[in-house]
Amino acid sequence: MREGASSILDAIIDERRSKRSSSRSSREGGEEEEEEDYLVDVLLKIQENPDQVGLTVTTEIIKAVTLELFLAGGHTSANLIEWTMSEMMKQPRVMQKAQDEVRQAFDEKGDVDEVGLHGLEYLDCVVKEGLRLHPPGPLLLPRESREDAKLCGYMVPVGTKVVVNAWAIGRDPRYWSDAEEFYPERFVDCSIDYKGNDFQFVPFGAGRRMCPGYGFGIEVVKLTLANLLFHFSWRLPGDSRPESLDMTETVGASIARKYPLRVIPVPYRP
C-alpha cells in the first residue's frame, strides 16, 4: 500500500514538474501562458529556490505534505458530510430548503460547479451548523501558556498545556439558543465565520495555528453536498422515520457516527 501511494505521488509531482518546465520554455519563447499554482507547484518553487526562503525541501518532504493533505482532509471532510446529511435527513424541512436553493442555482446548467457555490447562502448556513454540532476535531490541538495568567478566576501557570473543547463550545447554551437543535437559520444575516474571530464558533481553531486547510476543506464539503442535493433526492430505507434516525456518536480524535448513515438515492432529472 505504501509503495502504491508513493508511486501515485511521484506521478503527481512529475506531472507538475513537467508542466512547470513546459511553461518556462513557453515564456522564454515569447509565448504567454497562464500559470496555475497548486500546492505541489508552491513546494516545487521552494525546492528550486531554497535560498529565497532559507528552507530545503526534498521530494520526500513534498510527498509527505501532499499525502498528509489527502489523508487528514479526506477523513474529516467525509465525517462532516455524513453528519450534515444525517442532520438534514432528520429534518426534511432543512433538506428541502437546501435542495431547492441548489437546484434553482444549477438547473439551467444541469450540473454543479465551484463558481456557483458562492451564491448558495443557505447551504453555507447548513455547513456552518454542521460544523457547530460536529466539528472535525472535538478537541483542538493543545496549546501551552507562555506566561502566568488568570482567566475567569482560574490561575493558569506558565507552561500549562491547554486543550480547547470545540465540541462543547459549539453546544454551550450560553452562546447558542436551542443549542442541541440543528437550525441553520441561526447563521442567516450573521457575521460569525470559520476564521476563528468568534470564539463561540472555533471548529478549526483560531490564531496563527488554526487549521491551515480549512478553506480547502470547506469547499470540498460544500461542493460534495451541493452535488448530493442536486443530483438526488434522498429517503430512509423501509418504513424508517426521520425522527427515529440514530445519531449516536463514537468518541475519538474525531467524532464519527456509531452506525453508518444508510439512505436511498432517487435520481433527479432537471
C-alpha atoms as a PDB file:
ATOM      1  CA  MET A   1       0.000   0.000   0.000  1.00  0.00           C
ATOM      2  CA  ARG A   2       2.845   2.371   0.878  1.00  0.00           C
ATOM      3  CA  GLU A   3       4.560   1.680  -2.460  1.00  0.00           C
ATOM      4  CA  GLY A   4       1.297   2.290  -4.304  1.00  0.00           C
ATOM      5  CA  ALA A   5       0.748   5.644  -2.584  1.00  0.00           C
ATOM      6  CA  SER A   6       4.364   6.605  -3.233  1.00  0.00           C
ATOM      7  CA  SER A   7       4.084   5.855  -6.956  1.00  0.00           C
ATOM      8  CA  ILE A   8       0.874   7.915  -7.234  1.00  0.00           C
ATOM      9  CA  LEU A   9       2.531  10.873  -5.509  1.00  0.00           C
ATOM     10  CA  ASP A  10       5.614  10.506  -7.721  1.00  0.00           C
ATOM     11  CA  ALA A  11       3.363  10.683 -10.785  1.00  0.00           C
ATOM     12  CA  ILE A  12       1.632  13.842  -9.494  1.00  0.00           C
ATOM     13  CA  ILE A  13       4.949  15.550  -8.726  1.00  0.00           C
ATOM     14  CA  ASP A  14       6.487  14.523 -12.059  1.00  0.00           C
ATOM     15  CA  GLU A  15       3.442  15.847 -13.914  1.00  0.00           C
ATOM     16  CA  ARG A  16       3.611  19.237 -12.189  1.00  0.00           C
ATOM     17  CA  ARG A  17       7.391  19.393 -12.632  1.00  0.00           C
ATOM     18  CA  SER A  18       6.980  18.703 -16.358  1.00  0.00           C
ATOM     19  CA  LYS A  19       4.200  21.298 -16.608  1.00  0.00           C
ATOM     20  CA  ARG A  20       6.377  23.910 -14.914  1.00  0.00           C
ATOM     21  CA  SER A  21       9.261  23.148 -17.259  1.00  0.00           C
ATOM     22  CA  SER A  22       6.967  23.453 -20.278  1.00  0.00           C
ATOM     23  CA  SER A  23       5.585  26.776 -19.011  1.00  0.00           C
ATOM     24  CA  ARG A  24       9.101  28.156 -18.551  1.00  0.00           C
ATOM     25  CA  SER A  25      10.044  27.132 -22.096  1.00  0.00           C
ATOM     26  CA  SER A  26       6.927  28.806 -23.484  1.00  0.00           C
ATOM     27  CA  ARG A  27       7.663  32.051 -21.656  1.00  0.00           C
ATOM     28  CA  GLU A  28      11.274  32.023 -22.826  1.00  0.00           C
ATOM     29  CA  GLY A  29       9.982  31.561 -26.375  1.00  0.00           C
ATOM     30  CA  GLY A  30       7.833  34.665 -26.042  1.00  0.00           C
ATOM     31  CA  GLU A  31       4.537  32.835 -25.635  1.00  0.00           C
ATOM     32  CA  GLU A  32       2.100  33.951 -22.959  1.00  0.00           C
ATOM     33  CA  GLU A  33       0.730  31.116 -20.889  1.00  0.00           C
ATOM     34  CA  GLU A  34      -1.451  31.399 -17.813  1.00  0.00           C
ATOM     35  CA  GLU A  35       0.346  29.825 -14.861  1.00  0.00           C
ATOM     36  CA  GLU A  36      -1.638  27.750 -12.383  1.00  0.00           C
ATOM     37  CA  ASP A  37      -0.137  27.298  -8.936  1.00  0.00           C
ATOM     38  CA  TYR A  38      -1.219  24.235  -6.993  1.00  0.00           C
ATOM     39  CA  LEU A  39       0.156  23.146  -3.629  1.00  0.00           C
ATOM     40  CA  VAL A  40       2.746  20.936  -5.326  1.00  0.00           C
ATOM     41  CA  ASP A  41       3.841  23.877  -7.528  1.00  0.00           C
ATOM     42  CA  VAL A  42       4.435  26.051  -4.473  1.00  0.00           C
ATOM     43  CA  LEU A  43       6.553  23.327  -2.856  1.00  0.00           C
ATOM     44  CA  LEU A  44       8.464  22.782  -6.109  1.00  0.00           C
ATOM     45  CA  LYS A  45       9.205  26.522  -6.265  1.00  0.00           C
ATOM     46  CA  ILE A  46      10.681  26.343  -2.768  1.00  0.00           C
ATOM     47  CA  GLN A  47      12.674  23.255  -3.752  1.00  0.00           C
ATOM     48  CA  GLU A  48      14.078  25.054  -6.812  1.00  0.00           C
ATOM     49  CA  ASN A  49      14.927  28.245  -4.885  1.00  0.00           C
ATOM     50  CA  PRO A  50      15.894  27.210  -1.333  1.00  0.00           C
ATOM     51  CA  ASP A  51      17.915  30.388  -0.718  1.00  0.00           C
ATOM     52  CA  GLN A  52      14.848  32.610  -1.143  1.00  0.00           C
ATOM     53  CA  VAL A  53      13.101  31.162   1.901  1.00  0.00           C
ATOM     54  CA  GLY A  54      16.033  29.621   3.744  1.00  0.00           C
ATOM     55  CA  LEU A  55      14.441  26.199   3.580  1.00  0.00           C
ATOM     56  CA  THR A  56      15.485  22.960   1.901  1.00  0.00           C
ATOM     57  CA  VAL A  57      12.583  20.907   0.590  1.00  0.00           C
ATOM     58  CA  THR A  58      13.253  17.411  -0.722  1.00  0.00           C
ATOM     59  CA  THR A  59      10.944  15.398  -2.958  1.00  0.00           C
ATOM     60  CA  GLU A  60      10.192  13.160   0.024  1.00  0.00           C
ATOM     61  CA  ILE A  61       9.006  16.190   2.005  1.00  0.00           C
ATOM     62  CA  ILE A  62       6.752  17.252  -0.887  1.00  0.00           C
ATOM     63  CA  LYS A  63       5.284  13.736  -0.986  1.00  0.00           C
ATOM     64  CA  ALA A  64       4.723  13.713   2.785  1.00  0.00           C
ATOM     65  CA  VAL A  65       2.953  17.105   2.807  1.00  0.00           C
ATOM     66  CA  THR A  66       0.749  16.137  -0.147  1.00  0.00           C
ATOM     67  CA  LEU A  67      -0.168  12.794   1.415  1.00  0.00           C
ATOM     68  CA  GLU A  68      -0.991  14.468   4.735  1.00  0.00           C
ATOM     69  CA  LEU A  69      -3.342  16.854   2.942  1.00  0.00           C
ATOM     70  CA  PHE A  70      -5.170  13.959   1.283  1.00  0.00           C
ATOM     71  CA  LEU A  71      -5.423  11.814   4.421  1.00  0.00           C
ATOM     72  CA  ALA A  72      -6.241  14.446   7.040  1.00  0.00           C
ATOM     73  CA  GLY A  73      -8.563  16.491   4.861  1.00  0.00           C
ATOM     74  CA  GLY A  74     -10.347  13.497   3.375  1.00  0.00           C
ATOM     75  CA  HIS A  75     -11.275  11.826   6.653  1.00  0.00           C
ATOM     76  CA  THR A  76     -12.536  14.924   8.446  1.00  0.00           C
ATOM     77  CA  SER A  77     -14.418  16.197   5.385  1.00  0.00           C
ATOM     78  CA  ALA A  78     -16.127  12.825   4.901  1.00  0.00           C
ATOM     79  CA  ASN A  79     -17.138  12.842   8.574  1.00  0.00           C
ATOM     80  CA  LEU A  80     -18.683  16.295   8.302  1.00  0.00           C
ATOM     81  CA  ILE A  81     -20.525  15.402   5.089  1.00  0.00           C
ATOM     82  CA  GLU A  82     -22.024  12.302   6.699  1.00  0.00           C
ATOM     83  CA  TRP A  83     -23.090  14.205   9.819  1.00  0.00           C
ATOM     84  CA  THR A  84     -24.601  17.076   7.830  1.00  0.00           C
ATOM     85  CA  MET A  85     -26.530  14.678   5.596  1.00  0.00           C
ATOM     86  CA  SER A  86     -27.718  12.892   8.754  1.00  0.00           C
ATOM     87  CA  GLU A  87     -28.973  16.136  10.268  1.00  0.00           C
ATOM     88  CA  MET A  88     -30.814  17.016   7.049  1.00  0.00           C
ATOM     89  CA  MET A  89     -32.362  13.544   6.842  1.00  0.00           C
ATOM     90  CA  LYS A  90     -33.580  14.038  10.396  1.00  0.00           C
ATOM     91  CA  GLN A  91     -35.070  17.405   9.423  1.00  0.00           C
ATOM     92  CA  PRO A  92     -36.716  17.128   5.972  1.00  0.00           C
ATOM     93  CA  ARG A  93     -37.583  20.846   6.095  1.00  0.00           C
ATOM     94  CA  VAL A  94     -33.891  21.751   6.049  1.00  0.00           C
ATOM     95  CA  MET A  95     -33.153  19.168   3.348  1.00  0.00           C
ATOM     96  CA  GLN A  96     -35.910  20.556   1.122  1.00  0.00           C
ATOM     97  CA  LYS A  97     -34.839  24.168   1.610  1.00  0.00           C
ATOM     98  CA  ALA A  98     -31.185  23.408   0.817  1.00  0.00           C
ATOM     99  CA  GLN A  99     -32.191  21.265  -2.162  1.00  0.00           C
ATOM    100  CA  ASP A 100     -34.444  23.985  -3.579  1.00  0.00           C
ATOM    101  CA  GLU A 101     -31.611  26.516  -3.368  1.00  0.00           C
ATOM    102  CA  VAL A 102     -29.080  24.236  -5.067  1.00  0.00           C
ATOM    103  CA  ARG A 103     -31.452  23.162  -7.843  1.00  0.00           C
ATOM    104  CA  GLN A 104     -32.581  26.699  -8.533  1.00  0.00           C
ATOM    105  CA  ALA A 105     -28.934  27.737  -8.895  1.00  0.00           C
ATOM    106  CA  PHE A 106     -27.850  24.892 -11.194  1.00  0.00           C
ATOM    107  CA  ASP A 107     -30.970  23.663 -13.023  1.00  0.00           C
ATOM    108  CA  GLU A 108     -30.116  25.655 -16.138  1.00  0.00           C
ATOM    109  CA  LYS A 109     -26.530  24.369 -16.244  1.00  0.00           C
ATOM    110  CA  GLY A 110     -27.573  20.811 -15.451  1.00  0.00           C
ATOM    111  CA  ASP A 111     -24.579  20.294 -13.164  1.00  0.00           C
ATOM    112  CA  VAL A 112     -22.876  21.762 -10.111  1.00  0.00           C
ATOM    113  CA  ASP A 113     -19.693  23.823 -10.414  1.00  0.00           C
ATOM    114  CA  GLU A 114     -17.455  25.652  -7.961  1.00  0.00           C
ATOM    115  CA  VAL A 115     -18.277  29.101  -9.331  1.00  0.00           C
ATOM    116  CA  GLY A 116     -21.947  28.809  -8.415  1.00  0.00           C
ATOM    117  CA  LEU A 117     -21.205  27.663  -4.860  1.00  0.00           C
ATOM    118  CA  HIS A 118     -20.547  31.200  -3.672  1.00  0.00           C
ATOM    119  CA  GLY A 119     -24.171  32.181  -4.189  1.00  0.00           C
ATOM    120  CA  LEU A 120     -25.575  29.342  -2.066  1.00  0.00           C
ATOM    121  CA  GLU A 121     -26.175  31.251   1.155  1.00  0.00           C
ATOM    122  CA  TYR A 122     -28.427  28.690   2.815  1.00  0.00           C
ATOM    123  CA  LEU A 123     -26.032  25.819   2.043  1.00  0.00           C
ATOM    124  CA  ASP A 124     -23.302  27.874   3.699  1.00  0.00           C
ATOM    125  CA  CYS A 125     -25.509  28.149   6.802  1.00  0.00           C
ATOM    126  CA  VAL A 126     -26.132  24.387   6.704  1.00  0.00           C
ATOM    127  CA  VAL A 127     -22.386  23.684   6.641  1.00  0.00           C
ATOM    128  CA  LYS A 128     -21.741  26.129   9.499  1.00  0.00           C
ATOM    129  CA  GLU A 129     -24.446  24.468  11.582  1.00  0.00           C
ATOM    130  CA  GLY A 130     -22.939  21.066  10.800  1.00  0.00           C
ATOM    131  CA  LEU A 131     -19.566  22.336  11.998  1.00  0.00           C
ATOM    132  CA  ARG A 132     -21.082  23.802  15.158  1.00  0.00           C
ATOM    133  CA  LEU A 133     -22.563  20.475  16.240  1.00  0.00           C
ATOM    134  CA  HIS A 134     -19.963  18.178  14.677  1.00  0.00           C
ATOM    135  CA  PRO A 135     -16.535  19.885  14.469  1.00  0.00           C
ATOM    136  CA  PRO A 136     -13.821  17.899  12.606  1.00  0.00           C
ATOM    137  CA  GLY A 137     -11.830  17.525  15.816  1.00  0.00           C
ATOM    138  CA  PRO A 138     -13.814  17.828  19.073  1.00  0.00           C
ATOM    139  CA  LEU A 139     -10.621  18.781  20.922  1.00  0.00           C
ATOM    140  CA  LEU A 140      -8.344  21.314  19.261  1.00  0.00           C
ATOM    141  CA  LEU A 141      -4.583  20.811  19.183  1.00  0.00           C
ATOM    142  CA  PRO A 142      -3.017  21.554  22.599  1.00  0.00           C
ATOM    143  CA  ARG A 143      -1.566  24.970  23.396  1.00  0.00           C
ATOM    144  CA  GLU A 144       0.981  25.906  26.060  1.00  0.00           C
ATOM    145  CA  SER A 145       0.752  29.098  28.099  1.00  0.00           C
ATOM    146  CA  ARG A 146       3.830  31.314  27.742  1.00  0.00           C
ATOM    147  CA  GLU A 147       3.252  33.195  30.989  1.00  0.00           C
ATOM    148  CA  ASP A 148       1.191  33.069  34.175  1.00  0.00           C
ATOM    149  CA  ALA A 149      -2.376  34.154  33.570  1.00  0.00           C
ATOM    150  CA  LYS A 150      -5.639  34.433  35.447  1.00  0.00           C
ATOM    151  CA  LEU A 151      -8.752  33.580  33.426  1.00  0.00           C
ATOM    152  CA  CYS A 152     -12.295  33.597  34.814  1.00  0.00           C
ATOM    153  CA  GLY A 153     -10.934  33.226  38.329  1.00  0.00           C
ATOM    154  CA  TYR A 154      -8.608  30.334  37.425  1.00  0.00           C
ATOM    155  CA  MET A 155      -4.838  30.634  37.738  1.00  0.00           C
ATOM    156  CA  VAL A 156      -3.055  29.232  34.667  1.00  0.00           C
ATOM    157  CA  PRO A 157       0.690  28.854  35.389  1.00  0.00           C
ATOM    158  CA  VAL A 158       3.299  29.263  32.673  1.00  0.00           C
ATOM    159  CA  GLY A 159       3.912  26.011  30.788  1.00  0.00           C
ATOM    160  CA  THR A 160       0.371  24.712  31.311  1.00  0.00           C
ATOM    161  CA  LYS A 161      -0.921  22.534  28.469  1.00  0.00           C
ATOM    162  CA  VAL A 162      -4.367  23.782  27.445  1.00  0.00           C
ATOM    163  CA  VAL A 163      -6.838  21.763  25.361  1.00  0.00           C
ATOM    164  CA  VAL A 164      -9.870  23.579  23.939  1.00  0.00           C
ATOM    165  CA  ASN A 165     -13.108  21.602  23.668  1.00  0.00           C
ATOM    166  CA  ALA A 166     -14.606  22.900  20.398  1.00  0.00           C
ATOM    167  CA  TRP A 167     -17.433  20.351  20.615  1.00  0.00           C
ATOM    168  CA  ALA A 168     -18.611  21.712  23.998  1.00  0.00           C
ATOM    169  CA  ILE A 169     -18.230  25.351  22.929  1.00  0.00           C
ATOM    170  CA  GLY A 170     -20.466  24.752  19.912  1.00  0.00           C
ATOM    171  CA  ARG A 171     -23.212  23.364  22.155  1.00  0.00           C
ATOM    172  CA  ASP A 172     -22.922  25.856  25.010  1.00  0.00           C
ATOM    173  CA  PRO A 173     -26.432  27.255  25.733  1.00  0.00           C
ATOM    174  CA  ARG A 174     -24.877  30.490  26.998  1.00  0.00           C
ATOM    175  CA  TYR A 175     -23.933  31.344  23.421  1.00  0.00           C
ATOM    176  CA  TRP A 176     -26.423  29.361  21.334  1.00  0.00           C
ATOM    177  CA  SER A 177     -30.195  29.276  21.728  1.00  0.00           C
ATOM    178  CA  ASP A 178     -31.627  25.752  21.384  1.00  0.00           C
ATOM    179  CA  ALA A 179     -28.004  24.613  21.297  1.00  0.00           C
ATOM    180  CA  GLU A 180     -28.748  20.930  20.607  1.00  0.00           C
ATOM    181  CA  GLU A 181     -31.057  21.681  17.674  1.00  0.00           C
ATOM    182  CA  PHE A 182     -29.831  21.656  14.063  1.00  0.00           C
ATOM    183  CA  TYR A 183     -31.090  25.047  12.925  1.00  0.00           C
ATOM    184  CA  PRO A 184     -29.094  26.581  10.022  1.00  0.00           C
ATOM    185  CA  GLU A 185     -31.208  29.748  10.055  1.00  0.00           C
ATOM    186  CA  ARG A 186     -29.275  30.908  13.131  1.00  0.00           C
ATOM    187  CA  PHE A 187     -26.439  31.841  10.729  1.00  0.00           C
ATOM    188  CA  VAL A 188     -28.615  33.853   8.315  1.00  0.00           C
ATOM    189  CA  ASP A 189     -27.510  37.523   8.330  1.00  0.00           C
ATOM    190  CA  CYS A 190     -24.917  36.555  10.946  1.00  0.00           C
ATOM    191  CA  SER A 191     -21.287  37.705  10.763  1.00  0.00           C
ATOM    192  CA  ILE A 192     -19.890  34.602  12.501  1.00  0.00           C
ATOM    193  CA  ASP A 193     -17.437  32.835  10.190  1.00  0.00           C
ATOM    194  CA  TYR A 194     -14.959  29.940  10.150  1.00  0.00           C
ATOM    195  CA  LYS A 195     -11.834  32.046  10.666  1.00  0.00           C
ATOM    196  CA  GLY A 196     -11.552  31.925  14.442  1.00  0.00           C
ATOM    197  CA  ASN A 197     -12.647  35.518  15.011  1.00  0.00           C
ATOM    198  CA  ASP A 198     -15.688  34.442  17.031  1.00  0.00           C
ATOM    199  CA  PHE A 199     -14.740  32.288  19.999  1.00  0.00           C
ATOM    200  CA  GLN A 200     -18.165  30.701  20.349  1.00  0.00           C
ATOM    201  CA  PHE A 201     -17.501  29.043  16.963  1.00  0.00           C
ATOM    202  CA  VAL A 202     -13.987  27.610  16.552  1.00  0.00           C
ATOM    203  CA  PRO A 203     -14.314  24.341  14.561  1.00  0.00           C
ATOM    204  CA  PHE A 204     -10.863  24.910  13.031  1.00  0.00           C
ATOM    205  CA  GLY A 205      -9.224  26.645  15.977  1.00  0.00           C
ATOM    206  CA  ALA A 206      -8.074  30.260  15.959  1.00  0.00           C
ATOM    207  CA  GLY A 207      -4.952  32.346  15.620  1.00  0.00           C
ATOM    208  CA  ARG A 208      -1.742  31.513  13.817  1.00  0.00           C
ATOM    209  CA  ARG A 209      -2.031  27.795  14.499  1.00  0.00           C
ATOM    210  CA  MET A 210      -5.587  27.224  13.347  1.00  0.00           C
ATOM    211  CA  CYS A 211      -6.127  24.504  10.737  1.00  0.00           C
ATOM    212  CA  PRO A 212      -4.277  25.663   7.574  1.00  0.00           C
ATOM    213  CA  GLY A 213      -6.522  23.610   5.298  1.00  0.00           C
ATOM    214  CA  TYR A 214      -9.881  24.908   6.499  1.00  0.00           C
ATOM    215  CA  GLY A 215     -10.612  26.816   3.274  1.00  0.00           C
ATOM    216  CA  PHE A 216      -9.937  23.780   1.114  1.00  0.00           C
ATOM    217  CA  GLY A 217     -11.960  21.552   3.433  1.00  0.00           C
ATOM    218  CA  ILE A 218     -14.989  23.864   3.403  1.00  0.00           C
ATOM    219  CA  GLU A 219     -15.021  23.981  -0.402  1.00  0.00           C
ATOM    220  CA  VAL A 220     -14.788  20.179  -0.622  1.00  0.00           C
ATOM    221  CA  VAL A 221     -17.705  19.758   1.790  1.00  0.00           C
ATOM    222  CA  LYS A 222     -19.889  22.371   0.075  1.00  0.00           C
ATOM    223  CA  LEU A 223     -19.180  21.010  -3.405  1.00  0.00           C
ATOM    224  CA  THR A 224     -19.923  17.438  -2.335  1.00  0.00           C
ATOM    225  CA  LEU A 225     -23.136  18.366  -0.525  1.00  0.00           C
ATOM    226  CA  ALA A 226     -24.287  20.513  -3.456  1.00  0.00           C
ATOM    227  CA  ASN A 227     -23.792  17.559  -5.815  1.00  0.00           C
ATOM    228  CA  LEU A 228     -25.647  15.183  -3.492  1.00  0.00           C
ATOM    229  CA  LEU A 229     -28.536  17.623  -3.134  1.00  0.00           C
ATOM    230  CA  PHE A 230     -28.713  18.497  -6.820  1.00  0.00           C
ATOM    231  CA  HIS A 231     -28.475  15.065  -8.432  1.00  0.00           C
ATOM    232  CA  PHE A 232     -30.524  13.054  -5.934  1.00  0.00           C
ATOM    233  CA  SER A 233     -33.495  13.156  -3.645  1.00  0.00           C
ATOM    234  CA  TRP A 234     -32.980  11.082  -0.507  1.00  0.00           C
ATOM    235  CA  ARG A 235     -35.138   8.848   1.655  1.00  0.00           C
ATOM    236  CA  LEU A 236     -34.607   6.494   4.568  1.00  0.00           C
ATOM    237  CA  PRO A 237     -34.904   2.743   3.944  1.00  0.00           C
ATOM    238  CA  GLY A 238     -38.087   0.811   4.690  1.00  0.00           C
ATOM    239  CA  ASP A 239     -40.556   2.494   6.994  1.00  0.00           C
ATOM    240  CA  SER A 240     -37.881   4.377   8.976  1.00  0.00           C
ATOM    241  CA  ARG A 241     -38.989   7.800  10.149  1.00  0.00           C
ATOM    242  CA  PRO A 242     -36.714  10.887  10.261  1.00  0.00           C
ATOM    243  CA  GLU A 243     -37.235  11.462  13.990  1.00  0.00           C
ATOM    244  CA  SER A 244     -36.067   7.909  14.757  1.00  0.00           C
ATOM    245  CA  LEU A 245     -32.714   8.255  12.973  1.00  0.00           C
ATOM    246  CA  ASP A 246     -29.950   7.109  15.355  1.00  0.00           C
ATOM    247  CA  MET A 247     -27.424   9.929  15.914  1.00  0.00           C
ATOM    248  CA  THR A 248     -25.164   8.104  18.396  1.00  0.00           C
ATOM    249  CA  GLU A 249     -21.548   9.293  18.299  1.00  0.00           C
ATOM    250  CA  THR A 250     -18.259   7.450  18.694  1.00  0.00           C
ATOM    251  CA  VAL A 251     -15.543   9.121  20.750  1.00  0.00           C
ATOM    252  CA  GLY A 252     -12.045   9.595  19.379  1.00  0.00           C
ATOM    253  CA  ALA A 253      -9.713  12.107  17.732  1.00  0.00           C
ATOM    254  CA  SER A 254     -12.707  12.843  15.526  1.00  0.00           C
ATOM    255  CA  ILE A 255     -16.333  12.073  16.338  1.00  0.00           C
ATOM    256  CA  ALA A 256     -17.952   9.807  13.769  1.00  0.00           C
ATOM    257  CA  ARG A 257     -21.369   8.217  13.618  1.00  0.00           C
ATOM    258  CA  LYS A 258     -21.523   4.967  15.579  1.00  0.00           C
ATOM    259  CA  TYR A 259     -23.678   3.477  12.828  1.00  0.00           C
ATOM    260  CA  PRO A 260     -23.105   4.492   9.179  1.00  0.00           C
ATOM    261  CA  LEU A 261     -25.827   6.578   7.585  1.00  0.00           C
ATOM    262  CA  ARG A 262     -27.916   4.406   5.269  1.00  0.00           C
ATOM    263  CA  VAL A 263     -30.113   6.272   2.801  1.00  0.00           C
ATOM    264  CA  ILE A 264     -31.632   5.574  -0.602  1.00  0.00           C
ATOM    265  CA  PRO A 265     -30.833   7.936  -3.512  1.00  0.00           C
ATOM    266  CA  VAL A 266     -33.529   8.789  -6.036  1.00  0.00           C
ATOM    267  CA  PRO A 267     -32.021  10.326  -9.224  1.00  0.00           C
ATOM    268  CA  TYR A 268     -33.191  13.826 -10.079  1.00  0.00           C
ATOM    269  CA  ARG A 269     -33.716  14.897 -13.680  1.00  0.00           C
ATOM    270  CA  PRO A 270     -33.552  18.695 -14.224  1.00  0.00           C
END
